[in-house]
Amino acid sequence: MRLALTLLAALALAGPALAGHAVSLKADTASGDTTVTLGDLFDGAGPAGRVAVAERTGQTVVLDAAAVQAAARRAGLDWDNPDGLRKIVVRAGLTGGSGAGPTGAARGNVEVLTYTRSLNAGEIVQPTDLTWIKVAAVPADSPSDAEAVIGQAAKRPLRAGAVVLARDVGAATVIKQGDLVTVTYEADGILLSLEGKAMGTAGVGEALAVLNTQSKKTVQTMVTGPGQAVVGPAAQDIKTARSLRYAAR
């Protein structure tokens, strides 16, 4: 009811002067609060900019471009969608700015990964769970390579249609706190191993503190599999590979 009243009030303020008024989609679509309005989406929206079109419950909300176009038309605005966008991603942030914004979002007629189905926390992302869509703006934290997400585990519940963000997924847990872990050191033909107790949880390629059950000292390791971790040159190689991977995103 509140949304309907807001729409009617905005239309009344807009009046016939805005009928067919041409507008363009903002390069960086953002909403300063949880309500997304036409003013958040379009330059030159005028009084019709107060018309609410969606509620943002997270850091981003994905809008159907055709539905936005219809809402704009009802408010007396004309957006011809020249880039043929299917989805519009609206992020949280200050409105009215220029450039990439505080999140460094990519702008223009670009593609972004979204989820094809809702995932529960801990579920592994499969290739069929992802799809590319064309949008107006992409959050800086959105991976540019699907391979960076496939095989990762959801850190929290994720909904279908949401933009994929790197911070929402992580390596699937293969070692839990208290598990016994075999730690291996190998260099210059020397191979040593010890058994310790995991001081936390971790996935493959992640750092893990392991308590040496004999010396009672804690060593920092890199996990290589269920119950397996390494130290020394092998651990450094994993750290380097992770740094290069994230730098390439």
Foldseek 3Di string as FASTA:
>chain_A
DVLVVQQVVLLVVLPPVLAAAEWEFAQAQEDQAQWQFCLSTTPPLPSRRSRTDDGHPDQKDKDAPVSSQVSSNVSRYHYPPVLPFGIEIYGYADGDDDACHPQNKHFAFDKFKFFQAKDAFLDFDAPNRIDIGTYGIGGPQTDPDVVLRHQWGARHIGGGPDTDGSVRTHARWQAAFQDKAWEWEDDPHDIDIAIFTWHGIDHALDWTWTQRPPVRDIDIWGDHGRRYTYDDPVRVVSVVVVVVVVVVD
